[in-house]
Amino acid sequence: IRLDALLAISMEDTVHDSSDVGPTLT
């Protein structure tokens, strides 16, 4: 498998595992 041929994940599709990352209070 060519790693550079795998589908890239954009910032909109990024999954954040940290609980600190999320919607702000507003």
mmCIF file of all heavy atoms, coordinates in Angstrom:
data_MODEL
# 
_entry.id   MODEL 
# 
loop_
_atom_site.group_PDB 
_atom_site.id 
_atom_site.type_symbol 
_atom_site.label_atom_id 
_atom_site.label_alt_id 
_atom_site.label_comp_id 
_atom_site.label_asym_id 
_atom_site.label_entity_id 
_atom_site.label_seq_id 
_atom_site.pdbx_PDB_ins_code 
_atom_site.Cartn_x 
_atom_site.Cartn_y 
_atom_site.Cartn_z 
_atom_site.occupancy 
_atom_site.B_iso_or_equiv 
_atom_site.pdbx_formal_charge 
_atom_site.auth_seq_id 
_atom_site.auth_comp_id 
_atom_site.auth_asym_id 
_atom_site.auth_atom_id 
_atom_site.pdbx_PDB_model_num 
ATOM 1   N N   . ILE A 1 1  ? 0.861   -1.190 0.000  1.00 0.00 ? 1  ILE A N   1 
ATOM 2   C CA  . ILE A 1 1  ? 0.000   0.000  0.000  1.00 0.00 ? 1  ILE A CA  1 
ATOM 3   C C   . ILE A 1 1  ? 0.885   1.224  0.000  1.00 0.00 ? 1  ILE A C   1 
ATOM 4   O O   . ILE A 1 1  ? 1.813   1.337  0.793  1.00 0.00 ? 1  ILE A O   1 
ATOM 5   C CB  . ILE A 1 1  ? -0.901  -0.003 1.235  1.00 0.00 ? 1  ILE A CB  1 
ATOM 6   C CG1 . ILE A 1 1  ? -1.770  -1.258 1.254  1.00 0.00 ? 1  ILE A CG1 1 
ATOM 7   C CG2 . ILE A 1 1  ? -1.759  1.242  1.295  1.00 0.00 ? 1  ILE A CG2 1 
ATOM 8   C CD1 . ILE A 1 1  ? -2.599  -1.390 2.489  1.00 0.00 ? 1  ILE A CD1 1 
ATOM 9   N N   . ARG A 1 2  ? 0.609   2.134  -0.868 1.00 0.00 ? 2  ARG A N   1 
ATOM 10  C CA  . ARG A 1 2  ? 1.298   3.421  -0.880 1.00 0.00 ? 2  ARG A CA  1 
ATOM 11  C C   . ARG A 1 2  ? 0.580   4.349  0.089  1.00 0.00 ? 2  ARG A C   1 
ATOM 12  O O   . ARG A 1 2  ? -0.574  4.675  -0.093 1.00 0.00 ? 2  ARG A O   1 
ATOM 13  C CB  . ARG A 1 2  ? 1.300   4.022  -2.286 1.00 0.00 ? 2  ARG A CB  1 
ATOM 14  C CG  . ARG A 1 2  ? 2.183   3.272  -3.269 1.00 0.00 ? 2  ARG A CG  1 
ATOM 15  C CD  . ARG A 1 2  ? 2.067   3.899  -4.645 1.00 0.00 ? 2  ARG A CD  1 
ATOM 16  N NE  . ARG A 1 2  ? 2.425   5.301  -4.630 1.00 0.00 ? 2  ARG A NE  1 
ATOM 17  C CZ  . ARG A 1 2  ? 3.662   5.763  -4.811 1.00 0.00 ? 2  ARG A CZ  1 
ATOM 18  N NH1 . ARG A 1 2  ? 4.662   4.925  -4.990 1.00 0.00 ? 2  ARG A NH1 1 
ATOM 19  N NH2 . ARG A 1 2  ? 3.909   7.058  -4.785 1.00 0.00 ? 2  ARG A NH2 1 
ATOM 20  N N   . LEU A 1 3  ? 1.267   4.751  1.141  1.00 0.00 ? 3  LEU A N   1 
ATOM 21  C CA  . LEU A 1 3  ? 0.633   5.586  2.147  1.00 0.00 ? 3  LEU A CA  1 
ATOM 22  C C   . LEU A 1 3  ? 0.223   6.923  1.587  1.00 0.00 ? 3  LEU A C   1 
ATOM 23  O O   . LEU A 1 3  ? -0.748  7.522  2.036  1.00 0.00 ? 3  LEU A O   1 
ATOM 24  C CB  . LEU A 1 3  ? 1.597   5.786  3.331  1.00 0.00 ? 3  LEU A CB  1 
ATOM 25  C CG  . LEU A 1 3  ? 2.001   4.504  4.070  1.00 0.00 ? 3  LEU A CG  1 
ATOM 26  C CD1 . LEU A 1 3  ? 2.929   4.858  5.215  1.00 0.00 ? 3  LEU A CD1 1 
ATOM 27  C CD2 . LEU A 1 3  ? 0.782   3.761  4.580  1.00 0.00 ? 3  LEU A CD2 1 
ATOM 28  N N   . ASP A 1 4  ? 1.026   7.409  0.588  1.00 0.00 ? 4  ASP A N   1 
ATOM 29  C CA  . ASP A 1 4  ? 0.661   8.701  0.021  1.00 0.00 ? 4  ASP A CA  1 
ATOM 30  C C   . ASP A 1 4  ? -0.565  8.618  -0.868 1.00 0.00 ? 4  ASP A C   1 
ATOM 31  O O   . ASP A 1 4  ? -1.110  9.634  -1.282 1.00 0.00 ? 4  ASP A O   1 
ATOM 32  C CB  . ASP A 1 4  ? 1.835   9.265  -0.780 1.00 0.00 ? 4  ASP A CB  1 
ATOM 33  C CG  . ASP A 1 4  ? 2.240   8.295  -1.888 1.00 0.00 ? 4  ASP A CG  1 
ATOM 34  O OD1 . ASP A 1 4  ? 2.285   7.060  -1.620 1.00 0.00 ? 4  ASP A OD1 1 
ATOM 35  O OD2 . ASP A 1 4  ? 2.466   8.756  -2.994 1.00 0.00 ? 4  ASP A OD2 1 
ATOM 36  N N   . ALA A 1 5  ? -1.025  7.355  -1.177 1.00 0.00 ? 5  ALA A N   1 
ATOM 37  C CA  . ALA A 1 5  ? -2.219  7.206  -2.008 1.00 0.00 ? 5  ALA A CA  1 
ATOM 38  C C   . ALA A 1 5  ? -3.502  7.105  -1.192 1.00 0.00 ? 5  ALA A C   1 
ATOM 39  O O   . ALA A 1 5  ? -4.586  7.072  -1.749 1.00 0.00 ? 5  ALA A O   1 
ATOM 40  C CB  . ALA A 1 5  ? -2.086  5.945  -2.892 1.00 0.00 ? 5  ALA A CB  1 
ATOM 41  N N   . LEU A 1 6  ? -3.362  7.009  0.140  1.00 0.00 ? 6  LEU A N   1 
ATOM 42  C CA  . LEU A 1 6  ? -4.555  6.944  0.978  1.00 0.00 ? 6  LEU A CA  1 
ATOM 43  C C   . LEU A 1 6  ? -5.284  8.270  0.959  1.00 0.00 ? 6  LEU A C   1 
ATOM 44  O O   . LEU A 1 6  ? -4.684  9.320  0.757  1.00 0.00 ? 6  LEU A O   1 
ATOM 45  C CB  . LEU A 1 6  ? -4.171  6.571  2.418  1.00 0.00 ? 6  LEU A CB  1 
ATOM 46  C CG  . LEU A 1 6  ? -3.585  5.167  2.606  1.00 0.00 ? 6  LEU A CG  1 
ATOM 47  C CD1 . LEU A 1 6  ? -3.176  4.971  4.059  1.00 0.00 ? 6  LEU A CD1 1 
ATOM 48  C CD2 . LEU A 1 6  ? -4.567  4.098  2.181  1.00 0.00 ? 6  LEU A CD2 1 
ATOM 49  N N   . LEU A 1 7  ? -6.582  8.211  1.210  1.00 0.00 ? 7  LEU A N   1 
ATOM 50  C CA  . LEU A 1 7  ? -7.386  9.419  1.202  1.00 0.00 ? 7  LEU A CA  1 
ATOM 51  C C   . LEU A 1 7  ? -6.984  10.326 2.352  1.00 0.00 ? 7  LEU A C   1 
ATOM 52  O O   . LEU A 1 7  ? -6.783  9.878  3.483  1.00 0.00 ? 7  LEU A O   1 
ATOM 53  C CB  . LEU A 1 7  ? -8.881  9.066  1.334  1.00 0.00 ? 7  LEU A CB  1 
ATOM 54  C CG  . LEU A 1 7  ? -9.483  8.280  0.171  1.00 0.00 ? 7  LEU A CG  1 
ATOM 55  C CD1 . LEU A 1 7  ? -10.936 7.935  0.472  1.00 0.00 ? 7  LEU A CD1 1 
ATOM 56  C CD2 . LEU A 1 7  ? -9.380  9.081  -1.115 1.00 0.00 ? 7  LEU A CD2 1 
ATOM 57  N N   . ALA A 1 8  ? -6.835  11.599 2.048  1.00 0.00 ? 8  ALA A N   1 
ATOM 58  C CA  . ALA A 1 8  ? -6.464  12.573 3.064  1.00 0.00 ? 8  ALA A CA  1 
ATOM 59  C C   . ALA A 1 8  ? -7.705  13.023 3.818  1.00 0.00 ? 8  ALA A C   1 
ATOM 60  O O   . ALA A 1 8  ? -8.796  13.086 3.269  1.00 0.00 ? 8  ALA A O   1 
ATOM 61  C CB  . ALA A 1 8  ? -5.774  13.781 2.431  1.00 0.00 ? 8  ALA A CB  1 
ATOM 62  N N   . ILE A 1 9  ? -7.522  13.325 5.105  1.00 0.00 ? 9  ILE A N   1 
ATOM 63  C CA  . ILE A 1 9  ? -8.608  13.791 5.960  1.00 0.00 ? 9  ILE A CA  1 
ATOM 64  C C   . ILE A 1 9  ? -8.458  15.283 6.137  1.00 0.00 ? 9  ILE A C   1 
ATOM 65  O O   . ILE A 1 9  ? -7.429  15.758 6.610  1.00 0.00 ? 9  ILE A O   1 
ATOM 66  C CB  . ILE A 1 9  ? -8.583  13.083 7.315  1.00 0.00 ? 9  ILE A CB  1 
ATOM 67  C CG1 . ILE A 1 9  ? -8.720  11.572 7.122  1.00 0.00 ? 9  ILE A CG1 1 
ATOM 68  C CG2 . ILE A 1 9  ? -9.691  13.611 8.225  1.00 0.00 ? 9  ILE A CG2 1 
ATOM 69  C CD1 . ILE A 1 9  ? -8.656  10.800 8.406  1.00 0.00 ? 9  ILE A CD1 1 
ATOM 70  N N   . SER A 1 10 ? -9.469  16.009 5.741  1.00 0.00 ? 10 SER A N   1 
ATOM 71  C CA  . SER A 1 10 ? -9.405  17.463 5.861  1.00 0.00 ? 10 SER A CA  1 
ATOM 72  C C   . SER A 1 10 ? -9.664  17.871 7.299  1.00 0.00 ? 10 SER A C   1 
ATOM 73  O O   . SER A 1 10 ? -10.056 17.065 8.149  1.00 0.00 ? 10 SER A O   1 
ATOM 74  C CB  . SER A 1 10 ? -10.438 18.100 4.927  1.00 0.00 ? 10 SER A CB  1 
ATOM 75  O OG  . SER A 1 10 ? -11.740 17.708 5.306  1.00 0.00 ? 10 SER A OG  1 
ATOM 76  N N   . MET A 1 11 ? -9.501  19.154 7.574  1.00 0.00 ? 11 MET A N   1 
ATOM 77  C CA  . MET A 1 11 ? -9.717  19.651 8.925  1.00 0.00 ? 11 MET A CA  1 
ATOM 78  C C   . MET A 1 11 ? -11.187 19.552 9.328  1.00 0.00 ? 11 MET A C   1 
ATOM 79  O O   . MET A 1 11 ? -11.513 19.389 10.493 1.00 0.00 ? 11 MET A O   1 
ATOM 80  C CB  . MET A 1 11 ? -9.255  21.113 9.002  1.00 0.00 ? 11 MET A CB  1 
ATOM 81  C CG  . MET A 1 11 ? -7.750  21.270 8.901  1.00 0.00 ? 11 MET A CG  1 
ATOM 82  S SD  . MET A 1 11 ? -6.885  20.368 10.203 1.00 0.00 ? 11 MET A SD  1 
ATOM 83  C CE  . MET A 1 11 ? -7.498  21.248 11.634 1.00 0.00 ? 11 MET A CE  1 
ATOM 84  N N   . GLU A 1 12 ? -12.080 19.625 8.332  1.00 0.00 ? 12 GLU A N   1 
ATOM 85  C CA  . GLU A 1 12 ? -13.498 19.519 8.653  1.00 0.00 ? 12 GLU A CA  1 
ATOM 86  C C   . GLU A 1 12 ? -13.870 18.109 9.101  1.00 0.00 ? 12 GLU A C   1 
ATOM 87  O O   . GLU A 1 12 ? -14.829 17.912 9.830  1.00 0.00 ? 12 GLU A O   1 
ATOM 88  C CB  . GLU A 1 12 ? -14.354 19.916 7.438  1.00 0.00 ? 12 GLU A CB  1 
ATOM 89  C CG  . GLU A 1 12 ? -14.288 21.406 7.091  1.00 0.00 ? 12 GLU A CG  1 
ATOM 90  C CD  . GLU A 1 12 ? -13.020 21.747 6.327  1.00 0.00 ? 12 GLU A CD  1 
ATOM 91  O OE1 . GLU A 1 12 ? -12.288 20.799 5.951  1.00 0.00 ? 12 GLU A OE1 1 
ATOM 92  O OE2 . GLU A 1 12 ? -12.757 22.928 6.117  1.00 0.00 ? 12 GLU A OE2 1 
ATOM 93  N N   . ASP A 1 13 ? -13.080 17.084 8.639  1.00 0.00 ? 13 ASP A N   1 
ATOM 94  C CA  . ASP A 1 13 ? -13.379 15.696 8.969  1.00 0.00 ? 13 ASP A CA  1 
ATOM 95  C C   . ASP A 1 13 ? -12.577 15.194 10.143 1.00 0.00 ? 13 ASP A C   1 
ATOM 96  O O   . ASP A 1 13 ? -12.674 14.024 10.507 1.00 0.00 ? 13 ASP A O   1 
ATOM 97  C CB  . ASP A 1 13 ? -13.110 14.790 7.756  1.00 0.00 ? 13 ASP A CB  1 
ATOM 98  C CG  . ASP A 1 13 ? -13.965 15.177 6.567  1.00 0.00 ? 13 ASP A CG  1 
ATOM 99  O OD1 . ASP A 1 13 ? -15.088 15.677 6.800  1.00 0.00 ? 13 ASP A OD1 1 
ATOM 100 O OD2 . ASP A 1 13 ? -13.507 14.981 5.433  1.00 0.00 ? 13 ASP A OD2 1 
ATOM 101 N N   . THR A 1 14 ? -11.766 16.043 10.751 1.00 0.00 ? 14 THR A N   1 
ATOM 102 C CA  . THR A 1 14 ? -10.905 15.586 11.829 1.00 0.00 ? 14 THR A CA  1 
ATOM 103 C C   . THR A 1 14 ? -11.729 15.249 13.058 1.00 0.00 ? 14 THR A C   1 
ATOM 104 O O   . THR A 1 14 ? -12.653 15.968 13.421 1.00 0.00 ? 14 THR A O   1 
ATOM 105 C CB  . THR A 1 14 ? -9.882  16.686 12.191 1.00 0.00 ? 14 THR A CB  1 
ATOM 106 O OG1 . THR A 1 14 ? -9.162  17.023 11.016 1.00 0.00 ? 14 THR A OG1 1 
ATOM 107 C CG2 . THR A 1 14 ? -8.923  16.196 13.268 1.00 0.00 ? 14 THR A CG2 1 
ATOM 108 N N   . VAL A 1 15 ? -11.406 14.114 13.687 1.00 0.00 ? 15 VAL A N   1 
ATOM 109 C CA  . VAL A 1 15 ? -12.066 13.682 14.911 1.00 0.00 ? 15 VAL A CA  1 
ATOM 110 C C   . VAL A 1 15 ? -11.170 14.020 16.076 1.00 0.00 ? 15 VAL A C   1 
ATOM 111 O O   . VAL A 1 15 ? -10.015 13.600 16.120 1.00 0.00 ? 15 VAL A O   1 
ATOM 112 C CB  . VAL A 1 15 ? -12.362 12.157 14.886 1.00 0.00 ? 15 VAL A CB  1 
ATOM 113 C CG1 . VAL A 1 15 ? -13.019 11.739 16.196 1.00 0.00 ? 15 VAL A CG1 1 
ATOM 114 C CG2 . VAL A 1 15 ? -13.240 11.825 13.702 1.00 0.00 ? 15 VAL A CG2 1 
ATOM 115 N N   . HIS A 1 16 ? -11.657 14.782 17.039 1.00 0.00 ? 16 HIS A N   1 
ATOM 116 C CA  . HIS A 1 16 ? -10.873 15.192 18.189 1.00 0.00 ? 16 HIS A CA  1 
ATOM 117 C C   . HIS A 1 16 ? -11.237 14.305 19.367 1.00 0.00 ? 16 HIS A C   1 
ATOM 118 O O   . HIS A 1 16 ? -12.392 14.214 19.759 1.00 0.00 ? 16 HIS A O   1 
ATOM 119 C CB  . HIS A 1 16 ? -11.176 16.658 18.537 1.00 0.00 ? 16 HIS A CB  1 
ATOM 120 C CG  . HIS A 1 16 ? -10.858 17.610 17.404 1.00 0.00 ? 16 HIS A CG  1 
ATOM 121 N ND1 . HIS A 1 16 ? -9.590  18.028 17.118 1.00 0.00 ? 16 HIS A ND1 1 
ATOM 122 C CD2 . HIS A 1 16 ? -11.680 18.187 16.479 1.00 0.00 ? 16 HIS A CD2 1 
ATOM 123 C CE1 . HIS A 1 16 ? -9.626  18.859 16.076 1.00 0.00 ? 16 HIS A CE1 1 
ATOM 124 N NE2 . HIS A 1 16 ? -10.893 18.961 15.678 1.00 0.00 ? 16 HIS A NE2 1 
ATOM 125 N N   . ASP A 1 17 ? -10.255 13.647 19.935 1.00 0.00 ? 17 ASP A N   1 
ATOM 126 C CA  . ASP A 1 17 ? -10.478 12.792 21.081 1.00 0.00 ? 17 ASP A CA  1 
ATOM 127 C C   . ASP A 1 17 ? -10.432 13.563 22.384 1.00 0.00 ? 17 ASP A C   1 
ATOM 128 O O   . ASP A 1 17 ? -10.955 13.126 23.396 1.00 0.00 ? 17 ASP A O   1 
ATOM 129 C CB  . ASP A 1 17 ? -9.436  11.668 21.121 1.00 0.00 ? 17 ASP A CB  1 
ATOM 130 C CG  . ASP A 1 17 ? -9.598  10.726 19.933 1.00 0.00 ? 17 ASP A CG  1 
ATOM 131 O OD1 . ASP A 1 17 ? -10.737 10.614 19.444 1.00 0.00 ? 17 ASP A OD1 1 
ATOM 132 O OD2 . ASP A 1 17 ? -8.610  10.133 19.528 1.00 0.00 ? 17 ASP A OD2 1 
ATOM 133 N N   . SER A 1 18 ? -9.774  14.687 22.407 1.00 0.00 ? 18 SER A N   1 
ATOM 134 C CA  . SER A 1 18 ? -9.625  15.437 23.640 1.00 0.00 ? 18 SER A CA  1 
ATOM 135 C C   . SER A 1 18 ? -10.937 16.105 24.006 1.00 0.00 ? 18 SER A C   1 
ATOM 136 O O   . SER A 1 18 ? -11.640 16.632 23.162 1.00 0.00 ? 18 SER A O   1 
ATOM 137 C CB  . SER A 1 18 ? -8.530  16.510 23.496 1.00 0.00 ? 18 SER A CB  1 
ATOM 138 O OG  . SER A 1 18 ? -8.473  17.320 24.657 1.00 0.00 ? 18 SER A OG  1 
ATOM 139 N N   . SER A 1 19 ? -11.275 16.046 25.289 1.00 0.00 ? 19 SER A N   1 
ATOM 140 C CA  . SER A 1 19 ? -12.516 16.671 25.758 1.00 0.00 ? 19 SER A CA  1 
ATOM 141 C C   . SER A 1 19 ? -12.423 18.182 25.758 1.00 0.00 ? 19 SER A C   1 
ATOM 142 O O   . SER A 1 19 ? -13.432 18.866 25.852 1.00 0.00 ? 19 SER A O   1 
ATOM 143 C CB  . SER A 1 19 ? -12.838 16.171 27.177 1.00 0.00 ? 19 SER A CB  1 
ATOM 144 O OG  . SER A 1 19 ? -11.787 16.497 28.056 1.00 0.00 ? 19 SER A OG  1 
ATOM 145 N N   . ASP A 1 20 ? -11.182 18.731 25.668 1.00 0.00 ? 20 ASP A N   1 
ATOM 146 C CA  . ASP A 1 20 ? -11.034 20.180 25.673 1.00 0.00 ? 20 ASP A CA  1 
ATOM 147 C C   . ASP A 1 20 ? -11.419 20.790 24.347 1.00 0.00 ? 20 ASP A C   1 
ATOM 148 O O   . ASP A 1 20 ? -11.691 21.980 24.252 1.00 0.00 ? 20 ASP A O   1 
ATOM 149 C CB  . ASP A 1 20 ? -9.582  20.559 26.013 1.00 0.00 ? 20 ASP A CB  1 
ATOM 150 C CG  . ASP A 1 20 ? -9.226  20.141 27.428 1.00 0.00 ? 20 ASP A CG  1 
ATOM 151 O OD1 . ASP A 1 20 ? -10.159 20.051 28.272 1.00 0.00 ? 20 ASP A OD1 1 
ATOM 152 O OD2 . ASP A 1 20 ? -8.042  19.895 27.688 1.00 0.00 ? 20 ASP A OD2 1 
ATOM 153 N N   . VAL A 1 21 ? -11.375 19.952 23.306 1.00 0.00 ? 21 VAL A N   1 
ATOM 154 C CA  . VAL A 1 21 ? -11.694 20.460 21.978 1.00 0.00 ? 21 VAL A CA  1 
ATOM 155 C C   . VAL A 1 21 ? -13.194 20.308 21.760 1.00 0.00 ? 21 VAL A C   1 
ATOM 156 O O   . VAL A 1 21 ? -13.723 19.214 21.816 1.00 0.00 ? 21 VAL A O   1 
ATOM 157 C CB  . VAL A 1 21 ? -10.912 19.697 20.888 1.00 0.00 ? 21 VAL A CB  1 
ATOM 158 C CG1 . VAL A 1 21 ? -11.243 20.261 19.522 1.00 0.00 ? 21 VAL A CG1 1 
ATOM 159 C CG2 . VAL A 1 21 ? -9.421  19.785 21.176 1.00 0.00 ? 21 VAL A CG2 1 
ATOM 160 N N   . GLY A 1 22 ? -13.877 21.330 21.515 1.00 0.00 ? 22 GLY A N   1 
ATOM 161 C CA  . GLY A 1 22 ? -15.319 21.250 21.327 1.00 0.00 ? 22 GLY A CA  1 
ATOM 162 C C   . GLY A 1 22 ? -15.887 22.643 21.176 1.00 0.00 ? 22 GLY A C   1 
ATOM 163 O O   . GLY A 1 22 ? -15.157 23.630 21.092 1.00 0.00 ? 22 GLY A O   1 
ATOM 164 N N   . PRO A 1 23 ? -17.174 22.736 21.156 1.00 0.00 ? 23 PRO A N   1 
ATOM 165 C CA  . PRO A 1 23 ? -17.789 24.053 20.995 1.00 0.00 ? 23 PRO A CA  1 
ATOM 166 C C   . PRO A 1 23 ? -17.521 24.927 22.201 1.00 0.00 ? 23 PRO A C   1 
ATOM 167 O O   . PRO A 1 23 ? -17.444 24.459 23.331 1.00 0.00 ? 23 PRO A O   1 
ATOM 168 C CB  . PRO A 1 23 ? -19.284 23.729 20.864 1.00 0.00 ? 23 PRO A CB  1 
ATOM 169 C CG  . PRO A 1 23 ? -19.437 22.400 21.527 1.00 0.00 ? 23 PRO A CG  1 
ATOM 170 C CD  . PRO A 1 23 ? -18.165 21.677 21.268 1.00 0.00 ? 23 PRO A CD  1 
ATOM 171 N N   . THR A 1 24 ? -17.334 26.177 21.941 1.00 0.00 ? 24 THR A N   1 
ATOM 172 C CA  . THR A 1 24 ? -17.109 27.118 23.027 1.00 0.00 ? 24 THR A CA  1 
ATOM 173 C C   . THR A 1 24 ? -18.406 27.372 23.765 1.00 0.00 ? 24 THR A C   1 
ATOM 174 O O   . THR A 1 24 ? -19.477 26.893 23.378 1.00 0.00 ? 24 THR A O   1 
ATOM 175 C CB  . THR A 1 24 ? -16.560 28.441 22.463 1.00 0.00 ? 24 THR A CB  1 
ATOM 176 O OG1 . THR A 1 24 ? -17.546 28.991 21.585 1.00 0.00 ? 24 THR A OG1 1 
ATOM 177 C CG2 . THR A 1 24 ? -15.262 28.214 21.719 1.00 0.00 ? 24 THR A CG2 1 
ATOM 178 N N   . LEU A 1 25 ? -18.319 28.134 24.826 1.00 0.00 ? 25 LEU A N   1 
ATOM 179 C CA  . LEU A 1 25 ? -19.491 28.394 25.638 1.00 0.00 ? 25 LEU A CA  1 
ATOM 180 C C   . LEU A 1 25 ? -20.561 29.163 24.866 1.00 0.00 ? 25 LEU A C   1 
ATOM 181 O O   . LEU A 1 25 ? -21.746 28.952 25.032 1.00 0.00 ? 25 LEU A O   1 
ATOM 182 C CB  . LEU A 1 25 ? -19.075 29.170 26.890 1.00 0.00 ? 25 LEU A CB  1 
ATOM 183 C CG  . LEU A 1 25 ? -20.184 29.430 27.926 1.00 0.00 ? 25 LEU A CG  1 
ATOM 184 C CD1 . LEU A 1 25 ? -20.718 28.110 28.440 1.00 0.00 ? 25 LEU A CD1 1 
ATOM 185 C CD2 . LEU A 1 25 ? -19.647 30.271 29.072 1.00 0.00 ? 25 LEU A CD2 1 
ATOM 186 N N   . THR A 1 26 ? -20.073 30.024 23.982 1.00 0.00 ? 26 THR A N   1 
ATOM 187 C CA  . THR A 1 26 ? -21.034 30.802 23.198 1.00 0.00 ? 26 THR A CA  1 
ATOM 188 C C   . THR A 1 26 ? -21.708 29.955 22.128 1.00 0.00 ? 26 THR A C   1 
ATOM 189 O O   . THR A 1 26 ? -22.807 30.280 21.700 1.00 0.00 ? 26 THR A O   1 
ATOM 190 C CB  . THR A 1 26 ? -20.329 31.993 22.533 1.00 0.00 ? 26 THR A CB  1 
ATOM 191 O OG1 . THR A 1 26 ? -19.232 31.500 21.728 1.00 0.00 ? 26 THR A OG1 1 
ATOM 192 C CG2 . THR A 1 26 ? -19.762 32.927 23.597 1.00 0.00 ? 26 THR A CG2 1 
# 
